[in-house]
Amino acid sequence: MNSPAQALLTNLYAAFNERDVPALLAALTPDVSWPNGWEGGMVHGREMVAAYWRRQWEQIEPTVTPTAFSTEADGRIAVTVHQVVHDKAGAKLADHTVTHVYRFDRGLVTDMEIRE
């Protein structure tokens, strides 16, 4: 798979790992629905997602690297990611693989699901 969605998502992960909030928000619809994988629940809208990421980055240092892309039967894009999380002192808290599933509208992310 090599599509505009894959390119957008590859850039999204790079922006996340660089903590580039403006680039991240530019890839999301204004009413995006995003899982709060750190605290639980969902956050809605660009500003709530940005606030969630900033809270997360104040406490932990996650790095998320896409390793595979596929298209679901319903058209969503599934991304297998290698996720490594360190605390602020550098100790590794997590090192695992999960799947993120994205829905798009007019080239922007409308929602994301995390599958363990």
N, C-alpha and C. Protein backbone atom coordinates (compact mmCIF):
# COMPACT_ATOMS: atom_id res chain seq x y z
N MET A 1 0.84 -1.19 0.00
CA MET A 1 0.00 0.00 0.00
C MET A 1 0.88 1.24 0.00
N ASN A 2 0.67 2.10 -0.95
CA ASN A 2 1.37 3.38 -0.98
C ASN A 2 0.37 4.40 -1.50
N SER A 3 -0.21 5.15 -0.60
CA SER A 3 -1.32 6.03 -0.94
C SER A 3 -1.14 7.38 -0.27
N PRO A 4 -1.96 8.37 -0.65
CA PRO A 4 -1.93 9.64 0.08
C PRO A 4 -2.19 9.46 1.58
N ALA A 5 -3.07 8.52 1.94
CA ALA A 5 -3.35 8.27 3.36
C ALA A 5 -2.10 7.75 4.06
N GLN A 6 -1.39 6.83 3.42
CA GLN A 6 -0.16 6.30 4.03
C GLN A 6 0.87 7.42 4.21
N ALA A 7 1.01 8.27 3.20
CA ALA A 7 1.95 9.39 3.30
C ALA A 7 1.56 10.32 4.44
N LEU A 8 0.26 10.65 4.53
CA LEU A 8 -0.21 11.52 5.60
C LEU A 8 0.07 10.89 6.96
N LEU A 9 -0.22 9.60 7.11
CA LEU A 9 -0.01 8.93 8.40
C LEU A 9 1.48 8.82 8.74
N THR A 10 2.31 8.56 7.76
CA THR A 10 3.76 8.50 8.02
C THR A 10 4.23 9.86 8.55
N ASN A 11 3.74 10.94 7.92
CA ASN A 11 4.09 12.28 8.38
C ASN A 11 3.50 12.57 9.76
N LEU A 12 2.31 12.04 10.03
CA LEU A 12 1.67 12.23 11.33
C LEU A 12 2.51 11.60 12.44
N TYR A 13 2.99 10.38 12.22
CA TYR A 13 3.83 9.73 13.24
C TYR A 13 5.14 10.48 13.43
N ALA A 14 5.73 10.96 12.35
CA ALA A 14 6.97 11.75 12.47
C ALA A 14 6.71 13.01 13.29
N ALA A 15 5.60 13.69 13.02
CA ALA A 15 5.25 14.90 13.76
C ALA A 15 5.00 14.58 15.24
N PHE A 16 4.34 13.45 15.52
CA PHE A 16 4.10 13.05 16.91
C PHE A 16 5.44 12.84 17.63
N ASN A 17 6.34 12.13 16.98
CA ASN A 17 7.63 11.83 17.61
C ASN A 17 8.48 13.08 17.79
N GLU A 18 8.23 14.11 16.96
CA GLU A 18 8.93 15.40 17.08
C GLU A 18 8.18 16.38 17.97
N ARG A 19 6.98 15.98 18.46
CA ARG A 19 6.13 16.83 19.30
C ARG A 19 5.71 18.09 18.56
N ASP A 20 5.44 17.96 17.27
CA ASP A 20 5.06 19.08 16.40
C ASP A 20 3.53 19.19 16.37
N VAL A 21 2.97 19.86 17.37
CA VAL A 21 1.52 19.94 17.51
C VAL A 21 0.85 20.60 16.30
N PRO A 22 1.35 21.72 15.77
CA PRO A 22 0.68 22.31 14.60
C PRO A 22 0.59 21.35 13.41
N ALA A 23 1.66 20.60 13.13
CA ALA A 23 1.62 19.64 12.03
C ALA A 23 0.62 18.52 12.31
N LEU A 24 0.56 18.08 13.56
CA LEU A 24 -0.40 17.04 13.93
C LEU A 24 -1.83 17.52 13.74
N LEU A 25 -2.13 18.69 14.24
CA LEU A 25 -3.51 19.20 14.18
C LEU A 25 -3.94 19.46 12.75
N ALA A 26 -3.00 19.82 11.88
CA ALA A 26 -3.33 20.09 10.48
C ALA A 26 -3.82 18.84 9.76
N ALA A 27 -3.52 17.65 10.29
CA ALA A 27 -3.93 16.39 9.66
C ALA A 27 -5.26 15.88 10.19
N LEU A 28 -5.86 16.60 11.15
CA LEU A 28 -7.10 16.15 11.80
C LEU A 28 -8.27 17.05 11.42
N THR A 29 -9.46 16.44 11.33
CA THR A 29 -10.67 17.25 11.14
C THR A 29 -10.92 18.05 12.42
N PRO A 30 -11.62 19.19 12.32
CA PRO A 30 -11.89 19.99 13.52
C PRO A 30 -12.63 19.21 14.61
N ASP A 31 -13.48 18.25 14.21
CA ASP A 31 -14.28 17.48 15.18
C ASP A 31 -13.73 16.07 15.38
N VAL A 32 -12.43 15.88 15.20
CA VAL A 32 -11.79 14.57 15.31
C VAL A 32 -12.16 13.88 16.63
N SER A 33 -12.26 12.56 16.56
CA SER A 33 -12.49 11.72 17.74
C SER A 33 -11.24 10.87 17.92
N TRP A 34 -10.59 10.98 19.09
CA TRP A 34 -9.27 10.37 19.31
C TRP A 34 -9.26 9.59 20.61
N PRO A 35 -8.72 8.36 20.62
CA PRO A 35 -8.66 7.61 21.87
C PRO A 35 -7.60 8.18 22.81
N ASN A 36 -7.95 8.24 24.08
CA ASN A 36 -7.00 8.64 25.10
C ASN A 36 -6.37 7.35 25.63
N GLY A 37 -5.36 6.87 24.92
CA GLY A 37 -4.72 5.60 25.27
C GLY A 37 -3.94 5.64 26.55
N TRP A 38 -3.69 6.83 27.06
CA TRP A 38 -2.88 6.99 28.26
C TRP A 38 -3.75 7.08 29.51
N GLU A 39 -4.83 7.87 29.45
CA GLU A 39 -5.68 8.08 30.63
C GLU A 39 -7.02 7.33 30.54
N GLY A 40 -7.38 6.91 29.32
CA GLY A 40 -8.65 6.22 29.11
C GLY A 40 -9.70 7.14 28.50
N GLY A 41 -10.66 6.55 27.82
CA GLY A 41 -11.74 7.32 27.22
C GLY A 41 -11.37 7.86 25.85
N MET A 42 -12.12 8.88 25.43
CA MET A 42 -11.93 9.51 24.12
C MET A 42 -11.83 11.01 24.33
N VAL A 43 -11.13 11.67 23.41
CA VAL A 43 -11.12 13.13 23.37
C VAL A 43 -11.66 13.55 22.01
N HIS A 44 -12.31 14.71 21.97
CA HIS A 44 -12.98 15.16 20.74
C HIS A 44 -12.56 16.58 20.40
N GLY A 45 -12.23 16.78 19.15
CA GLY A 45 -11.84 18.10 18.67
C GLY A 45 -10.34 18.32 18.76
N ARG A 46 -9.85 19.14 17.84
CA ARG A 46 -8.40 19.37 17.75
C ARG A 46 -7.80 19.88 19.06
N GLU A 47 -8.48 20.85 19.70
CA GLU A 47 -7.90 21.44 20.91
C GLU A 47 -7.83 20.44 22.06
N MET A 48 -8.84 19.58 22.18
CA MET A 48 -8.82 18.55 23.24
C MET A 48 -7.72 17.52 22.97
N VAL A 49 -7.54 17.17 21.70
CA VAL A 49 -6.48 16.23 21.33
C VAL A 49 -5.12 16.85 21.63
N ALA A 50 -4.93 18.11 21.27
CA ALA A 50 -3.66 18.79 21.55
C ALA A 50 -3.39 18.84 23.04
N ALA A 51 -4.40 19.16 23.84
CA ALA A 51 -4.23 19.22 25.30
C ALA A 51 -3.87 17.84 25.85
N TYR A 52 -4.51 16.80 25.33
CA TYR A 52 -4.20 15.43 25.75
C TYR A 52 -2.73 15.10 25.45
N TRP A 53 -2.28 15.39 24.22
CA TRP A 53 -0.89 15.09 23.87
C TRP A 53 0.07 15.85 24.77
N ARG A 54 -0.21 17.12 25.02
CA ARG A 54 0.69 17.91 25.86
C ARG A 54 0.76 17.37 27.29
N ARG A 55 -0.38 16.96 27.86
CA ARG A 55 -0.38 16.35 29.20
C ARG A 55 0.47 15.08 29.19
N GLN A 56 0.28 14.27 28.16
CA GLN A 56 1.02 13.02 28.04
C GLN A 56 2.53 13.29 27.99
N TRP A 57 2.93 14.21 27.14
CA TRP A 57 4.36 14.49 26.95
C TRP A 57 5.00 15.14 28.17
N GLU A 58 4.20 15.75 29.04
CA GLU A 58 4.75 16.29 30.30
C GLU A 58 5.16 15.17 31.24
N GLN A 59 4.55 13.99 31.08
CA GLN A 59 4.76 12.88 32.01
C GLN A 59 5.61 11.75 31.44
N ILE A 60 5.47 11.48 30.14
CA ILE A 60 6.14 10.33 29.52
C ILE A 60 6.70 10.73 28.16
N GLU A 61 7.57 9.88 27.63
CA GLU A 61 8.21 10.10 26.33
C GLU A 61 7.87 8.92 25.39
N PRO A 62 6.72 8.99 24.72
CA PRO A 62 6.38 7.91 23.77
C PRO A 62 6.99 8.15 22.39
N THR A 63 7.41 7.07 21.76
CA THR A 63 7.84 7.09 20.36
C THR A 63 7.05 6.01 19.65
N VAL A 64 6.43 6.37 18.53
CA VAL A 64 5.57 5.44 17.80
C VAL A 64 6.06 5.38 16.35
N THR A 65 6.41 4.17 15.90
CA THR A 65 6.97 3.99 14.57
C THR A 65 6.09 3.05 13.76
N PRO A 66 5.53 3.51 12.62
CA PRO A 66 4.71 2.62 11.79
C PRO A 66 5.58 1.56 11.13
N THR A 67 5.07 0.31 11.12
CA THR A 67 5.82 -0.80 10.51
C THR A 67 5.06 -1.45 9.37
N ALA A 68 3.74 -1.25 9.29
CA ALA A 68 2.94 -1.83 8.20
C ALA A 68 1.63 -1.06 8.07
N PHE A 69 1.12 -1.01 6.83
CA PHE A 69 -0.14 -0.34 6.52
C PHE A 69 -1.02 -1.31 5.75
N SER A 70 -2.34 -1.27 6.04
CA SER A 70 -3.28 -2.06 5.25
C SER A 70 -4.61 -1.33 5.22
N THR A 71 -5.47 -1.71 4.27
CA THR A 71 -6.79 -1.12 4.16
C THR A 71 -7.82 -2.12 4.65
N GLU A 72 -8.67 -1.68 5.55
CA GLU A 72 -9.74 -2.51 6.11
C GLU A 72 -10.88 -2.63 5.08
N ALA A 73 -11.76 -3.59 5.29
CA ALA A 73 -12.89 -3.79 4.40
C ALA A 73 -13.78 -2.55 4.32
N ASP A 74 -13.87 -1.78 5.41
CA ASP A 74 -14.71 -0.58 5.42
C ASP A 74 -13.97 0.67 4.93
N GLY A 75 -12.73 0.50 4.44
CA GLY A 75 -11.99 1.61 3.89
C GLY A 75 -11.06 2.30 4.87
N ARG A 76 -11.18 1.97 6.16
CA ARG A 76 -10.26 2.57 7.12
C ARG A 76 -8.85 2.04 6.88
N ILE A 77 -7.86 2.80 7.33
CA ILE A 77 -6.46 2.41 7.19
C ILE A 77 -5.95 1.91 8.53
N ALA A 78 -5.43 0.67 8.53
CA ALA A 78 -4.85 0.07 9.74
C ALA A 78 -3.34 0.19 9.66
N VAL A 79 -2.75 0.68 10.75
CA VAL A 79 -1.30 0.87 10.81
C VAL A 79 -0.76 0.07 11.99
N THR A 80 0.11 -0.88 11.71
CA THR A 80 0.81 -1.60 12.77
C THR A 80 1.95 -0.69 13.22
N VAL A 81 2.04 -0.46 14.53
CA VAL A 81 3.06 0.44 15.05
C VAL A 81 3.85 -0.22 16.17
N HIS A 82 5.13 0.13 16.23
CA HIS A 82 5.99 -0.26 17.35
C HIS A 82 6.03 0.95 18.27
N GLN A 83 5.58 0.73 19.50
CA GLN A 83 5.44 1.82 20.46
C GLN A 83 6.40 1.58 21.62
N VAL A 84 7.25 2.56 21.89
CA VAL A 84 8.18 2.50 23.02
C VAL A 84 7.92 3.73 23.88
N VAL A 85 7.75 3.50 25.18
CA VAL A 85 7.45 4.60 26.10
C VAL A 85 8.50 4.59 27.22
N HIS A 86 9.09 5.76 27.44
CA HIS A 86 10.03 5.95 28.54
C HIS A 86 9.46 6.97 29.52
N ASP A 87 9.89 6.87 30.78
CA ASP A 87 9.54 7.93 31.72
C ASP A 87 10.52 9.08 31.52
N LYS A 88 10.32 10.18 32.22
CA LYS A 88 11.16 11.36 32.02
C LYS A 88 12.61 11.13 32.46
N ALA A 89 12.85 10.11 33.29
CA ALA A 89 14.21 9.78 33.71
C ALA A 89 14.90 8.85 32.71
N GLY A 90 14.15 8.38 31.71
CA GLY A 90 14.73 7.52 30.69
C GLY A 90 14.47 6.04 30.87
N ALA A 91 13.78 5.65 31.93
CA ALA A 91 13.48 4.23 32.14
C ALA A 91 12.37 3.79 31.19
N LYS A 92 12.53 2.60 30.59
CA LYS A 92 11.54 2.09 29.65
C LYS A 92 10.31 1.58 30.41
N LEU A 93 9.15 2.10 30.04
CA LEU A 93 7.88 1.71 30.66
C LEU A 93 7.13 0.70 29.80
N ALA A 94 7.29 0.79 28.47
CA ALA A 94 6.54 -0.09 27.57
C ALA A 94 7.32 -0.23 26.26
N ASP A 95 7.18 -1.40 25.66
CA ASP A 95 7.79 -1.67 24.35
C ASP A 95 6.92 -2.75 23.72
N HIS A 96 6.00 -2.34 22.84
CA HIS A 96 5.07 -3.31 22.28
C HIS A 96 4.56 -2.85 20.91
N THR A 97 3.83 -3.74 20.29
CA THR A 97 3.24 -3.48 18.98
C THR A 97 1.72 -3.43 19.13
N VAL A 98 1.11 -2.41 18.55
CA VAL A 98 -0.34 -2.28 18.54
C VAL A 98 -0.76 -1.87 17.12
N THR A 99 -2.06 -1.84 16.89
CA THR A 99 -2.59 -1.40 15.60
C THR A 99 -3.45 -0.16 15.83
N HIS A 100 -3.20 0.85 15.04
CA HIS A 100 -4.01 2.06 15.02
C HIS A 100 -4.85 2.03 13.74
N VAL A 101 -6.15 2.29 13.87
CA VAL A 101 -7.04 2.24 12.70
C VAL A 101 -7.66 3.63 12.52
N TYR A 102 -7.49 4.18 11.32
CA TYR A 102 -7.88 5.55 11.02
C TYR A 102 -9.00 5.61 9.99
N ARG A 103 -9.92 6.56 10.21
CA ARG A 103 -10.95 6.90 9.22
C ARG A 103 -10.63 8.31 8.72
N PHE A 104 -10.85 8.51 7.43
CA PHE A 104 -10.54 9.79 6.80
C PHE A 104 -11.79 10.42 6.20
N ASP A 105 -11.78 11.74 6.14
CA ASP A 105 -12.79 12.50 5.42
C ASP A 105 -12.07 13.63 4.69
N ARG A 106 -12.15 13.64 3.38
CA ARG A 106 -11.49 14.66 2.55
C ARG A 106 -10.01 14.83 2.90
N GLY A 107 -9.35 13.69 3.11
CA GLY A 107 -7.91 13.71 3.32
C GLY A 107 -7.45 14.02 4.73
N LEU A 108 -8.39 14.16 5.67
CA LEU A 108 -8.03 14.41 7.06
C LEU A 108 -8.54 13.28 7.95
N VAL A 109 -7.86 13.05 9.06
CA VAL A 109 -8.25 12.01 10.01
C VAL A 109 -9.49 12.46 10.78
N THR A 110 -10.54 11.63 10.75
CA THR A 110 -11.76 11.93 11.52
C THR A 110 -11.81 11.16 12.83
N ASP A 111 -11.22 9.96 12.85
CA ASP A 111 -11.14 9.21 14.10
C ASP A 111 -10.07 8.15 14.03
N MET A 112 -9.64 7.72 15.21
CA MET A 112 -8.62 6.70 15.34
C MET A 112 -9.05 5.72 16.43
N GLU A 113 -8.75 4.46 16.20
CA GLU A 113 -9.04 3.38 17.15
C GLU A 113 -7.72 2.70 17.46
N ILE A 114 -7.54 2.28 18.71
CA ILE A 114 -6.35 1.51 19.10
C ILE A 114 -6.78 0.06 19.31
N ARG A 115 -6.09 -0.86 18.65
CA ARG A 115 -6.31 -2.29 18.86
C ARG A 115 -5.06 -2.89 19.45
N GLU A 116 -5.21 -3.55 20.57
CA GLU A 116 -4.05 -4.19 21.22
C GLU A 116 -3.58 -5.37 20.41
